[in-house]
Amino acid sequence: MYRLIDELGDPKIAKMIAYDNLYAIIRDQPATTAQIEAIRKLDNGKFQTLNPAKLTKLEAGKILIEKK
């Protein structure tokens, strides 16, 4: 796939596609056990409204950053 992107000959488009792909991979990964436990320890009532099975790394990271 990246060879095809390279064949486009436009570095700006290639960079944009590569960034979007990497961001999607990171964004859609499930939250780690460590993140879920850290959120659970916050005990701010927000955890009860969350479904840990559907929580992503990005969402978990945002929750943890807000509380620091």
PDB file of N, CA and C in Angstrom:
ATOM      1  N   MET A   1       0.818  -1.180   0.000  1.00  0.00           N
ATOM      2  CA  MET A   1       0.000   0.000   0.000  1.00  0.00           C
ATOM      3  C   MET A   1       0.872   1.258   0.000  1.00  0.00           C
ATOM      4  N   TYR A   2       1.926   1.247   0.838  1.00  0.00           N
ATOM      5  CA  TYR A   2       2.761   2.442   0.923  1.00  0.00           C
ATOM      6  C   TYR A   2       3.572   2.662  -0.358  1.00  0.00           C
ATOM      7  N   ARG A   3       3.866   1.594  -1.078  1.00  0.00           N
ATOM      8  CA  ARG A   3       4.535   1.761  -2.377  1.00  0.00           C
ATOM      9  C   ARG A   3       3.618   2.495  -3.340  1.00  0.00           C
ATOM     10  N   LEU A   4       2.343   2.161  -3.311  1.00  0.00           N
ATOM     11  CA  LEU A   4       1.373   2.839  -4.165  1.00  0.00           C
ATOM     12  C   LEU A   4       1.277   4.313  -3.793  1.00  0.00           C
ATOM     13  N   ILE A   5       1.248   4.598  -2.509  1.00  0.00           N
ATOM     14  CA  ILE A   5       1.210   5.988  -2.052  1.00  0.00           C
ATOM     15  C   ILE A   5       2.448   6.724  -2.525  1.00  0.00           C
ATOM     16  N   ASP A   6       3.604   6.068  -2.460  1.00  0.00           N
ATOM     17  CA  ASP A   6       4.850   6.672  -2.915  1.00  0.00           C
ATOM     18  C   ASP A   6       4.799   6.968  -4.408  1.00  0.00           C
ATOM     19  N   GLU A   7       4.146   6.108  -5.154  1.00  0.00           N
ATOM     20  CA  GLU A   7       4.040   6.295  -6.608  1.00  0.00           C
ATOM     21  C   GLU A   7       3.204   7.516  -6.973  1.00  0.00           C
ATOM     22  N   LEU A   8       2.393   8.012  -6.052  1.00  0.00           N
ATOM     23  CA  LEU A   8       1.614   9.215  -6.327  1.00  0.00           C
ATOM     24  C   LEU A   8       2.532  10.400  -6.619  1.00  0.00           C
ATOM     25  N   GLY A   9       3.704  10.361  -6.019  1.00  0.00           N
ATOM     26  CA  GLY A   9       4.681  11.412  -6.264  1.00  0.00           C
ATOM     27  C   GLY A   9       4.393  12.709  -5.537  1.00  0.00           C
ATOM     28  N   ASP A  10       3.477  12.706  -4.612  1.00  0.00           N
ATOM     29  CA  ASP A  10       3.143  13.918  -3.869  1.00  0.00           C
ATOM     30  C   ASP A  10       3.417  13.673  -2.384  1.00  0.00           C
ATOM     31  N   PRO A  11       4.548  14.164  -1.887  1.00  0.00           N
ATOM     32  CA  PRO A  11       4.915  13.925  -0.488  1.00  0.00           C
ATOM     33  C   PRO A  11       3.859  14.426   0.506  1.00  0.00           C
ATOM     34  N   LYS A  12       3.177  15.509   0.169  1.00  0.00           N
ATOM     35  CA  LYS A  12       2.172  16.061   1.068  1.00  0.00           C
ATOM     36  C   LYS A  12       1.008  15.071   1.235  1.00  0.00           C
ATOM     37  N   ILE A  13       0.536  14.493   0.137  1.00  0.00           N
ATOM     38  CA  ILE A  13      -0.557  13.521   0.194  1.00  0.00           C
ATOM     39  C   ILE A  13      -0.081  12.253   0.903  1.00  0.00           C
ATOM     40  N   ALA A  14       1.117  11.803   0.595  1.00  0.00           N
ATOM     41  CA  ALA A  14       1.659  10.591   1.227  1.00  0.00           C
ATOM     42  C   ALA A  14       1.733  10.759   2.747  1.00  0.00           C
ATOM     43  N   LYS A  15       2.197  11.910   3.193  1.00  0.00           N
ATOM     44  CA  LYS A  15       2.311  12.172   4.628  1.00  0.00           C
ATOM     45  C   LYS A  15       0.928  12.200   5.274  1.00  0.00           C
ATOM     46  N   MET A  16      -0.033  12.814   4.609  1.00  0.00           N
ATOM     47  CA  MET A  16      -1.381  12.904   5.140  1.00  0.00           C
ATOM     48  C   MET A  16      -2.004  11.508   5.287  1.00  0.00           C
ATOM     49  N   ILE A  17      -1.853  10.667   4.282  1.00  0.00           N
ATOM     50  CA  ILE A  17      -2.412   9.312   4.332  1.00  0.00           C
ATOM     51  C   ILE A  17      -1.743   8.499   5.432  1.00  0.00           C
ATOM     52  N   ALA A  18      -0.431   8.563   5.513  1.00  0.00           N
ATOM     53  CA  ALA A  18       0.301   7.801   6.531  1.00  0.00           C
ATOM     54  C   ALA A  18      -0.101   8.257   7.933  1.00  0.00           C
ATOM     55  N   TYR A  19      -0.226   9.557   8.134  1.00  0.00           N
ATOM     56  CA  TYR A  19      -0.624  10.083   9.444  1.00  0.00           C
ATOM     57  C   TYR A  19      -2.026   9.591   9.810  1.00  0.00           C
ATOM     58  N   ASP A  20      -2.950   9.707   8.865  1.00  0.00           N
ATOM     59  CA  ASP A  20      -4.331   9.291   9.126  1.00  0.00           C
ATOM     60  C   ASP A  20      -4.406   7.801   9.464  1.00  0.00           C
ATOM     61  N   ASN A  21      -3.637   6.983   8.769  1.00  0.00           N
ATOM     62  CA  ASN A  21      -3.645   5.548   9.039  1.00  0.00           C
ATOM     63  C   ASN A  21      -3.097   5.243  10.436  1.00  0.00           C
ATOM     64  N   LEU A  22      -1.990   5.862  10.796  1.00  0.00           N
ATOM     65  CA  LEU A  22      -1.389   5.633  12.111  1.00  0.00           C
ATOM     66  C   LEU A  22      -2.310   6.130  13.214  1.00  0.00           C
ATOM     67  N   TYR A  23      -2.902   7.293  13.010  1.00  0.00           N
ATOM     68  CA  TYR A  23      -3.812   7.849  14.004  1.00  0.00           C
ATOM     69  C   TYR A  23      -5.008   6.921  14.216  1.00  0.00           C
ATOM     70  N   ALA A  24      -5.551   6.364  13.146  1.00  0.00           N
ATOM     71  CA  ALA A  24      -6.696   5.448  13.253  1.00  0.00           C
ATOM     72  C   ALA A  24      -6.324   4.189  14.025  1.00  0.00           C
ATOM     73  N   ILE A  25      -5.132   3.682  13.789  1.00  0.00           N
ATOM     74  CA  ILE A  25      -4.673   2.480  14.502  1.00  0.00           C
ATOM     75  C   ILE A  25      -4.573   2.767  15.998  1.00  0.00           C
ATOM     76  N   ILE A  26      -3.967   3.878  16.347  1.00  0.00           N
ATOM     77  CA  ILE A  26      -3.811   4.242  17.758  1.00  0.00           C
ATOM     78  C   ILE A  26      -5.166   4.548  18.390  1.00  0.00           C
ATOM     79  N   ARG A  27      -5.985   5.307  17.686  1.00  0.00           N
ATOM     80  CA  ARG A  27      -7.281   5.729  18.210  1.00  0.00           C
ATOM     81  C   ARG A  27      -8.196   4.542  18.524  1.00  0.00           C
ATOM     82  N   ASP A  28      -8.152   3.502  17.712  1.00  0.00           N
ATOM     83  CA  ASP A  28      -9.097   2.399  17.831  1.00  0.00           C
ATOM     84  C   ASP A  28      -8.624   1.250  18.716  1.00  0.00           C
ATOM     85  N   GLN A  29      -7.414   1.320  19.249  1.00  0.00           N
ATOM     86  CA  GLN A  29      -6.933   0.252  20.128  1.00  0.00           C
ATOM     87  C   GLN A  29      -7.704   0.274  21.438  1.00  0.00           C
ATOM     88  N   PRO A  30      -8.004  -0.898  21.974  1.00  0.00           N
ATOM     89  CA  PRO A  30      -8.712  -0.927  23.259  1.00  0.00           C
ATOM     90  C   PRO A  30      -7.813  -0.419  24.390  1.00  0.00           C
ATOM     91  N   ALA A  31      -8.458   0.120  25.412  1.00  0.00           N
ATOM     92  CA  ALA A  31      -7.716   0.610  26.580  1.00  0.00           C
ATOM     93  C   ALA A  31      -6.974  -0.546  27.231  1.00  0.00           C
ATOM     94  N   THR A  32      -5.819  -0.235  27.783  1.00  0.00           N
ATOM     95  CA  THR A  32      -5.021  -1.262  28.458  1.00  0.00           C
ATOM     96  C   THR A  32      -5.608  -1.540  29.840  1.00  0.00           C
ATOM     97  N   THR A  33      -5.229  -2.664  30.383  1.00  0.00           N
ATOM     98  CA  THR A  33      -5.655  -3.020  31.743  1.00  0.00           C
ATOM     99  C   THR A  33      -5.181  -1.964  32.729  1.00  0.00           C
ATOM    100  N   ALA A  34      -3.967  -1.476  32.525  1.00  0.00           N
ATOM    101  CA  ALA A  34      -3.413  -0.446  33.421  1.00  0.00           C
ATOM    102  C   ALA A  34      -4.255   0.831  33.359  1.00  0.00           C
ATOM    103  N   GLN A  35      -4.680   1.222  32.169  1.00  0.00           N
ATOM    104  CA  GLN A  35      -5.506   2.418  32.036  1.00  0.00           C
ATOM    105  C   GLN A  35      -6.855   2.226  32.736  1.00  0.00           C
ATOM    106  N   ILE A  36      -7.466   1.076  32.525  1.00  0.00           N
ATOM    107  CA  ILE A  36      -8.769   0.802  33.135  1.00  0.00           C
ATOM    108  C   ILE A  36      -8.667   0.809  34.658  1.00  0.00           C
ATOM    109  N   GLU A  37      -7.611   0.203  35.184  1.00  0.00           N
ATOM    110  CA  GLU A  37      -7.413   0.188  36.637  1.00  0.00           C
ATOM    111  C   GLU A  37      -7.170   1.598  37.177  1.00  0.00           C
ATOM    112  N   ALA A  38      -6.401   2.392  36.451  1.00  0.00           N
ATOM    113  CA  ALA A  38      -6.132   3.761  36.898  1.00  0.00           C
ATOM    114  C   ALA A  38      -7.417   4.583  36.918  1.00  0.00           C
ATOM    115  N   ILE A  39      -8.264   4.395  35.933  1.00  0.00           N
ATOM    116  CA  ILE A  39      -9.547   5.102  35.896  1.00  0.00           C
ATOM    117  C   ILE A  39     -10.438   4.627  37.038  1.00  0.00           C
ATOM    118  N   ARG A  40     -10.447   3.334  37.253  1.00  0.00           N
ATOM    119  CA  ARG A  40     -11.257   2.763  38.344  1.00  0.00           C
ATOM    120  C   ARG A  40     -10.810   3.345  39.691  1.00  0.00           C
ATOM    121  N   LYS A  41      -9.507   3.551  39.882  1.00  0.00           N
ATOM    122  CA  LYS A  41      -8.974   4.079  41.143  1.00  0.00           C
ATOM    123  C   LYS A  41      -9.306   5.559  41.341  1.00  0.00           C
ATOM    124  N   LEU A  42      -9.612   6.257  40.266  1.00  0.00           N
ATOM    125  CA  LEU A  42      -9.975   7.670  40.393  1.00  0.00           C
ATOM    126  C   LEU A  42     -11.245   7.830  41.219  1.00  0.00           C
ATOM    127  N   ASP A  43     -12.128   6.849  41.108  1.00  0.00           N
ATOM    128  CA  ASP A  43     -13.375   6.824  41.871  1.00  0.00           C
ATOM    129  C   ASP A  43     -14.103   8.150  41.784  1.00  0.00           C
ATOM    130  N   ASN A  44     -14.239   8.655  40.592  1.00  0.00           N
ATOM    131  CA  ASN A  44     -14.916   9.931  40.403  1.00  0.00           C
ATOM    132  C   ASN A  44     -16.346   9.766  39.894  1.00  0.00           C
ATOM    133  N   GLY A  45     -16.860   8.550  39.903  1.00  0.00           N
ATOM    134  CA  GLY A  45     -18.209   8.309  39.445  1.00  0.00           C
ATOM    135  C   GLY A  45     -18.326   8.177  37.943  1.00  0.00           C
ATOM    136  N   LYS A  46     -17.320   8.628  37.233  1.00  0.00           N
ATOM    137  CA  LYS A  46     -17.364   8.561  35.772  1.00  0.00           C
ATOM    138  C   LYS A  46     -17.205   7.125  35.290  1.00  0.00           C
ATOM    139  N   PHE A  47     -16.491   6.319  36.054  1.00  0.00           N
ATOM    140  CA  PHE A  47     -16.236   4.951  35.618  1.00  0.00           C
ATOM    141  C   PHE A  47     -17.527   4.147  35.525  1.00  0.00           C
ATOM    142  N   GLN A  48     -18.484   4.426  36.390  1.00  0.00           N
ATOM    143  CA  GLN A  48     -19.738   3.679  36.370  1.00  0.00           C
ATOM    144  C   GLN A  48     -20.498   3.904  35.062  1.00  0.00           C
ATOM    145  N   THR A  49     -20.291   5.035  34.415  1.00  0.00           N
ATOM    146  CA  THR A  49     -20.997   5.324  33.168  1.00  0.00           C
ATOM    147  C   THR A  49     -20.251   4.802  31.944  1.00  0.00           C
ATOM    148  N   LEU A  50     -19.035   4.305  32.141  1.00  0.00           N
ATOM    149  CA  LEU A  50     -18.221   3.821  31.022  1.00  0.00           C
ATOM    150  C   LEU A  50     -18.351   2.310  30.866  1.00  0.00           C
ATOM    151  N   ASN A  51     -18.230   1.858  29.633  1.00  0.00           N
ATOM    152  CA  ASN A  51     -18.165   0.427  29.354  1.00  0.00           C
ATOM    153  C   ASN A  51     -16.704   0.110  29.074  1.00  0.00           C
ATOM    154  N   PRO A  52     -15.983  -0.516  30.023  1.00  0.00           N
ATOM    155  CA  PRO A  52     -14.553  -0.773  29.840  1.00  0.00           C
ATOM    156  C   PRO A  52     -14.240  -1.591  28.584  1.00  0.00           C
ATOM    157  N   ALA A  53     -15.176  -2.424  28.156  1.00  0.00           N
ATOM    158  CA  ALA A  53     -14.950  -3.251  26.967  1.00  0.00           C
ATOM    159  C   ALA A  53     -14.914  -2.408  25.698  1.00  0.00           C
ATOM    160  N   LYS A  54     -15.551  -1.251  25.727  1.00  0.00           N
ATOM    161  CA  LYS A  54     -15.597  -0.388  24.538  1.00  0.00           C
ATOM    162  C   LYS A  54     -14.682   0.831  24.643  1.00  0.00           C
ATOM    163  N   LEU A  55     -14.020   0.981  25.761  1.00  0.00           N
ATOM    164  CA  LEU A  55     -13.144   2.125  25.991  1.00  0.00           C
ATOM    165  C   LEU A  55     -11.865   1.984  25.170  1.00  0.00           C
ATOM    166  N   THR A  56     -11.485   3.038  24.462  1.00  0.00           N
ATOM    167  CA  THR A  56     -10.266   2.999  23.655  1.00  0.00           C
ATOM    168  C   THR A  56      -9.105   3.617  24.424  1.00  0.00           C
ATOM    169  N   LYS A  57      -7.895   3.376  23.936  1.00  0.00           N
ATOM    170  CA  LYS A  57      -6.699   3.959  24.565  1.00  0.00           C
ATOM    171  C   LYS A  57      -6.781   5.481  24.569  1.00  0.00           C
ATOM    172  N   LEU A  58      -7.255   6.029  23.473  1.00  0.00           N
ATOM    173  CA  LEU A  58      -7.341   7.484  23.361  1.00  0.00           C
ATOM    174  C   LEU A  58      -8.322   8.049  24.378  1.00  0.00           C
ATOM    175  N   GLU A  59      -9.497   7.437  24.493  1.00  0.00           N
ATOM    176  CA  GLU A  59     -10.494   7.900  25.456  1.00  0.00           C
ATOM    177  C   GLU A  59      -9.976   7.761  26.889  1.00  0.00           C
ATOM    178  N   ALA A  60      -9.373   6.626  27.192  1.00  0.00           N
ATOM    179  CA  ALA A  60      -8.825   6.396  28.528  1.00  0.00           C
ATOM    180  C   ALA A  60      -7.733   7.413  28.848  1.00  0.00           C
ATOM    181  N   GLY A  61      -6.875   7.674  27.887  1.00  0.00           N
ATOM    182  CA  GLY A  61      -5.812   8.650  28.089  1.00  0.00           C
ATOM    183  C   GLY A  61      -6.361  10.033  28.385  1.00  0.00           C
ATOM    184  N   LYS A  62      -7.413  10.421  27.674  1.00  0.00           N
ATOM    185  CA  LYS A  62      -8.024  11.725  27.902  1.00  0.00           C
ATOM    186  C   LYS A  62      -8.619  11.812  29.305  1.00  0.00           C
ATOM    187  N   ILE A  63      -9.273  10.744  29.751  1.00  0.00           N
ATOM    188  CA  ILE A  63      -9.858  10.725  31.094  1.00  0.00           C
ATOM    189  C   ILE A  63      -8.761  10.878  32.135  1.00  0.00           C
ATOM    190  N   LEU A  64      -7.671  10.153  31.964  1.00  0.00           N
ATOM    191  CA  LEU A  64      -6.586  10.204  32.935  1.00  0.00           C
ATOM    192  C   LEU A  64      -5.877  11.549  32.948  1.00  0.00           C
ATOM    193  N   ILE A  65      -5.715  12.153  31.793  1.00  0.00           N
ATOM    194  CA  ILE A  65      -5.057  13.457  31.711  1.00  0.00           C
ATOM    195  C   ILE A  65      -5.904  14.534  32.382  1.00  0.00           C
ATOM    196  N   GLU A  66      -7.225  14.465  32.205  1.00  0.00           N
ATOM    197  CA  GLU A  66      -8.123  15.439  32.816  1.00  0.00           C
ATOM    198  C   GLU A  66      -8.017  15.439  34.337  1.00  0.00           C
ATOM    199  N   LYS A  67      -7.679  14.284  34.907  1.00  0.00           N
ATOM    200  CA  LYS A  67      -7.668  14.158  36.365  1.00  0.00           C
ATOM    201  C   LYS A  67      -6.315  14.464  36.979  1.00  0.00           C
ATOM    202  N   LYS A  68      -5.310  14.759  36.192  1.00  0.00           N
ATOM    203  CA  LYS A  68      -3.984  15.056  36.749  1.00  0.00           C
ATOM    204  C   LYS A  68      -3.815  16.528  36.977  1.00  0.00           C
TER     205      LYS A  68
END
